[in-house]
Amino acid sequence: MKRRDDVSPPARIERRRLLQAAGGLAMLGALGGCTQLVPGQRPPPQFFRLSPKSTFDPELAPVEWQLILEPPIANAALDTVRIALMRQPMEVEYYARANWTDQAPQMVQTLMIESFENSRRIVSVGRESLGLRADFVLKSELREFQAEYFEAGPPSAHVGLNVKLVRMPRREIVASESFDVTWQSESDTLPAVVRAFDEALGDALRDLVHWTLTTGQTFYAMAES
């Protein structure tokens, strides 16, 4: 067996070349790992969120009962993180590389709960999954949640909610209502469209909170009398 010192000069040169080539490949691999955008690769999607309602009629009276909110149901076109748009009344499209931070119905449910909490008019409000003992359950359907390009000019954000107030423990529907708001965007840009969504949903949430608290209080007082 030859010792390392016994390797012939040509063999040592060849070995040095192989080591240099391997080192060069390793360096290229490291640089490739640091590359953030490969030519031809699309940019990552943008994520948007909306805000809960925080201001309410000062005349809105507080209530003493508890409320559970079920997740809104929605058709498959709206039950997604993608931001929907409509150029024709019968066709749903989506903005490219633009998403909500959650599935639209789950996002709206969260904003509904936060809006009730921000009103500071109700003892307790939460999700059905928390297992709370509630006096009422609010069932809802997200019927409209898209930007509409039906007319010339910037699009309009359209938000439509139908809700049913259920008295517990009999699970009796005591009232139902629809909230439909359209808000025109300032321009045909994605940030402006999202702001229009925020305004439209905010108006719907304010009316929803007011209707639920006043209607629920009426039936709660009747049951307690």
Protein backbone atom coordinates (compact mmCIF):
# COMPACT_ATOMS: atom_id res chain seq x y z
CA MET A 1 0.00 0.00 0.00
CA LYS A 2 1.34 3.44 -0.93
CA ARG A 3 1.58 6.15 1.66
CA ARG A 4 0.26 9.64 0.86
CA ASP A 5 3.82 10.81 0.20
CA ASP A 6 4.26 8.05 -2.32
CA VAL A 7 1.54 9.38 -4.68
CA SER A 8 3.12 10.41 -7.96
CA PRO A 9 3.13 14.13 -8.93
CA PRO A 10 0.65 13.65 -11.84
CA ALA A 11 -1.78 11.88 -9.51
CA ARG A 12 -1.50 14.67 -6.93
CA ILE A 13 -2.23 17.28 -9.60
CA GLU A 14 -5.28 15.39 -10.83
CA ARG A 15 -6.55 15.02 -7.26
CA ARG A 16 -6.09 18.75 -6.64
CA ARG A 17 -8.15 19.54 -9.75
CA LEU A 18 -10.98 17.29 -8.62
CA LEU A 19 -11.06 18.90 -5.18
CA GLN A 20 -11.12 22.39 -6.73
CA ALA A 21 -14.00 21.41 -9.03
CA ALA A 22 -15.97 19.94 -6.12
CA GLY A 23 -15.44 23.10 -4.10
CA GLY A 24 -16.68 25.22 -6.99
CA LEU A 25 -19.86 23.15 -7.27
CA ALA A 26 -20.47 23.43 -3.53
CA MET A 27 -20.11 27.22 -3.75
CA LEU A 28 -22.61 27.39 -6.61
CA GLY A 29 -25.04 25.29 -4.59
CA ALA A 30 -24.75 27.63 -1.62
CA LEU A 31 -25.34 30.67 -3.82
CA GLY A 32 -28.33 28.96 -5.38
CA GLY A 33 -29.81 28.41 -1.92
CA CYS A 34 -29.57 32.14 -1.22
CA THR A 35 -31.39 33.13 -4.39
CA GLN A 36 -34.89 34.50 -3.55
CA LEU A 37 -36.39 34.80 -7.00
CA VAL A 38 -35.55 32.51 -9.89
CA PRO A 39 -35.96 34.09 -13.36
CA GLY A 40 -39.47 33.29 -14.58
CA GLN A 41 -40.82 32.60 -11.07
CA ARG A 42 -43.98 34.50 -10.09
CA PRO A 43 -43.90 36.86 -7.09
CA PRO A 44 -45.58 35.54 -3.90
CA PRO A 45 -49.26 36.34 -3.28
CA GLN A 46 -50.35 39.32 -1.20
CA PHE A 47 -52.47 38.70 1.89
CA PHE A 48 -55.18 41.09 3.09
CA ARG A 49 -57.34 41.30 6.21
CA LEU A 50 -60.34 43.41 7.13
CA SER A 51 -61.14 45.17 10.40
CA PRO A 52 -64.01 44.72 12.90
CA LYS A 53 -66.48 47.48 13.68
CA SER A 54 -65.51 49.50 16.76
CA THR A 55 -67.99 52.41 16.92
CA PHE A 56 -71.70 52.04 17.65
CA ASP A 57 -74.75 54.11 18.45
CA PRO A 58 -74.31 55.41 22.01
CA GLU A 59 -78.05 54.80 22.54
CA LEU A 60 -77.59 51.04 21.98
CA ALA A 61 -78.60 49.44 25.28
CA PRO A 62 -76.53 46.66 26.93
CA VAL A 63 -77.99 43.14 27.25
CA GLU A 64 -77.66 40.46 29.92
CA TRP A 65 -77.68 37.32 27.76
CA GLN A 66 -75.03 35.29 25.97
CA LEU A 67 -74.59 34.68 22.26
CA ILE A 68 -72.88 32.05 20.11
CA LEU A 69 -71.98 32.67 16.47
CA GLU A 70 -71.80 29.77 14.05
CA PRO A 71 -69.43 30.06 11.06
CA PRO A 72 -71.27 31.61 8.11
CA ILE A 73 -72.11 29.17 5.36
CA ALA A 74 -71.19 30.17 1.80
CA ASN A 75 -71.18 28.69 -1.67
CA ALA A 76 -67.98 27.20 -3.04
CA ALA A 77 -67.10 30.34 -5.01
CA LEU A 78 -66.92 32.40 -1.79
CA ASP A 79 -65.69 29.72 0.62
CA THR A 80 -62.06 30.39 -0.23
CA VAL A 81 -59.10 32.60 0.68
CA ARG A 82 -59.12 34.08 -2.83
CA ILE A 83 -60.61 37.54 -3.40
CA ALA A 84 -63.57 37.16 -5.72
CA LEU A 85 -64.60 39.53 -8.50
CA MET A 86 -67.42 39.56 -11.04
CA ARG A 87 -67.38 41.20 -14.47
CA GLN A 88 -70.60 39.45 -15.46
CA PRO A 89 -73.53 38.63 -13.15
CA MET A 90 -73.20 34.90 -13.80
CA GLU A 91 -69.41 34.46 -13.66
CA VAL A 92 -67.03 34.55 -10.69
CA GLU A 93 -63.31 35.27 -11.12
CA TYR A 94 -60.47 36.00 -8.70
CA TYR A 95 -57.72 38.57 -8.39
CA ALA A 96 -54.34 37.12 -9.29
CA ARG A 97 -51.90 36.51 -6.40
CA ALA A 98 -54.20 38.15 -3.82
CA ASN A 99 -55.68 36.30 -0.82
CA TRP A 100 -57.57 36.96 2.38
CA THR A 101 -55.73 35.84 5.51
CA ASP A 102 -58.37 33.15 6.10
CA GLN A 103 -61.28 31.49 4.31
CA ALA A 104 -63.81 34.29 3.75
CA PRO A 105 -66.56 32.80 6.00
CA GLN A 106 -64.13 32.17 8.87
CA MET A 107 -62.68 35.67 8.51
CA VAL A 108 -66.16 37.21 8.60
CA GLN A 109 -67.09 35.13 11.67
CA THR A 110 -64.02 36.39 13.53
CA LEU A 111 -64.84 40.00 12.62
CA MET A 112 -68.45 39.52 13.73
CA ILE A 113 -67.31 38.26 17.15
CA GLU A 114 -64.81 41.10 17.55
CA SER A 115 -67.48 43.64 16.59
CA PHE A 116 -69.87 42.33 19.27
CA GLU A 117 -67.04 42.46 21.80
CA ASN A 118 -66.11 46.00 20.73
CA SER A 119 -69.68 47.14 21.34
CA ARG A 120 -69.25 46.38 25.07
CA ARG A 121 -73.00 45.79 25.22
CA ILE A 122 -73.14 42.01 25.68
CA VAL A 123 -72.14 39.76 28.57
CA SER A 124 -70.54 37.01 26.50
CA VAL A 125 -70.11 36.18 22.81
CA GLY A 126 -68.08 33.39 21.26
CA ARG A 127 -67.75 30.59 18.74
CA GLU A 128 -69.86 27.46 18.84
CA SER A 129 -66.69 25.36 19.18
CA LEU A 130 -66.03 26.83 22.65
CA GLY A 131 -69.01 24.95 24.09
CA LEU A 132 -70.51 27.99 25.82
CA ARG A 133 -74.00 27.85 27.28
CA ALA A 134 -75.78 30.54 25.31
CA ASP A 135 -79.23 32.09 25.30
CA PHE A 136 -79.12 32.66 21.54
CA VAL A 137 -77.30 31.28 18.51
CA LEU A 138 -76.72 33.43 15.44
CA LYS A 139 -76.74 31.45 12.21
CA SER A 140 -75.52 33.29 9.12
CA GLU A 141 -75.00 32.91 5.40
CA LEU A 142 -72.42 34.87 3.41
CA ARG A 143 -74.30 35.45 0.16
CA GLU A 144 -72.24 38.22 -1.42
CA PHE A 145 -68.55 38.92 -0.95
CA GLN A 146 -67.03 40.08 -4.21
CA ALA A 147 -65.88 43.12 -6.15
CA GLU A 148 -68.26 43.95 -9.01
CA TYR A 149 -67.32 45.52 -12.35
CA PHE A 150 -70.87 45.87 -13.65
CA GLU A 151 -70.63 49.58 -14.48
CA ALA A 152 -68.04 51.95 -15.92
CA GLY A 153 -65.45 53.23 -13.47
CA PRO A 154 -63.91 51.63 -10.38
CA PRO A 155 -65.48 48.43 -9.04
CA SER A 156 -67.75 48.19 -6.02
CA ALA A 157 -67.30 45.84 -3.05
CA HIS A 158 -70.54 43.95 -2.40
CA VAL A 159 -71.18 42.32 0.99
CA GLY A 160 -74.38 40.41 1.68
CA LEU A 161 -75.25 38.59 4.91
CA ASN A 162 -78.44 36.79 5.89
CA VAL A 163 -78.80 35.91 9.58
CA LYS A 164 -81.20 33.97 11.76
CA LEU A 165 -81.48 34.39 15.53
CA VAL A 166 -82.17 31.10 17.29
CA ARG A 167 -83.52 30.96 20.86
CA MET A 168 -81.94 28.30 23.02
CA PRO A 169 -82.47 25.66 24.29
CA ARG A 170 -85.52 25.05 22.09
CA ARG A 171 -83.55 25.97 18.93
CA GLU A 172 -86.44 28.08 17.71
CA ILE A 173 -85.81 30.70 15.02
CA VAL A 174 -87.27 33.89 16.47
CA ALA A 175 -86.12 36.41 13.84
CA SER A 176 -84.19 36.76 10.60
CA GLU A 177 -82.73 39.67 8.67
CA SER A 178 -80.53 40.47 5.66
CA PHE A 179 -77.74 43.04 5.47
CA ASP A 180 -76.63 44.07 2.00
CA VAL A 181 -74.06 46.82 1.45
CA THR A 182 -72.27 48.00 -1.70
CA TRP A 183 -69.32 50.41 -1.47
CA GLN A 184 -67.60 51.84 -4.52
CA SER A 185 -63.82 51.70 -4.59
CA GLU A 186 -61.83 54.90 -5.08
CA SER A 187 -59.85 53.32 -7.92
CA ASP A 188 -59.31 50.05 -9.73
CA THR A 189 -56.33 49.03 -7.62
CA LEU A 190 -56.19 46.12 -5.21
CA PRO A 191 -55.50 48.21 -2.05
CA ALA A 192 -58.43 50.50 -2.92
CA VAL A 193 -60.71 47.52 -3.54
CA VAL A 194 -59.76 46.02 -0.16
CA ARG A 195 -60.55 49.34 1.54
CA ALA A 196 -63.97 49.28 -0.14
CA PHE A 197 -64.51 45.76 1.22
CA ASP A 198 -63.59 47.06 4.68
CA GLU A 199 -66.12 49.89 4.47
CA ALA A 200 -68.90 47.68 3.13
CA LEU A 201 -68.35 44.94 5.70
CA GLY A 202 -68.04 47.53 8.48
CA ASP A 203 -71.47 48.97 7.67
CA ALA A 204 -72.97 45.48 7.56
CA LEU A 205 -71.36 44.53 10.89
CA ARG A 206 -72.59 47.68 12.63
CA ASP A 207 -76.17 47.04 11.51
CA LEU A 208 -75.85 43.34 12.37
CA VAL A 209 -74.72 44.02 15.94
CA HIS A 210 -77.45 46.61 16.49
CA TRP A 211 -80.19 44.35 15.09
CA THR A 212 -79.05 41.26 17.01
CA LEU A 213 -78.83 43.01 20.38
CA THR A 214 -82.13 44.86 20.11
CA THR A 215 -84.04 41.90 18.66
CA GLY A 216 -82.53 39.40 21.08
CA GLN A 217 -83.31 41.63 24.04
CA THR A 218 -86.96 41.81 23.03
CA PHE A 219 -87.37 38.03 23.01
CA TYR A 220 -85.21 37.58 26.11
CA ALA A 221 -87.36 40.01 28.08
CA MET A 222 -90.52 38.24 26.91
CA ALA A 223 -89.17 34.88 28.10
CA GLU A 224 -88.13 36.30 31.48
CA SER A 225 -91.42 38.09 32.18
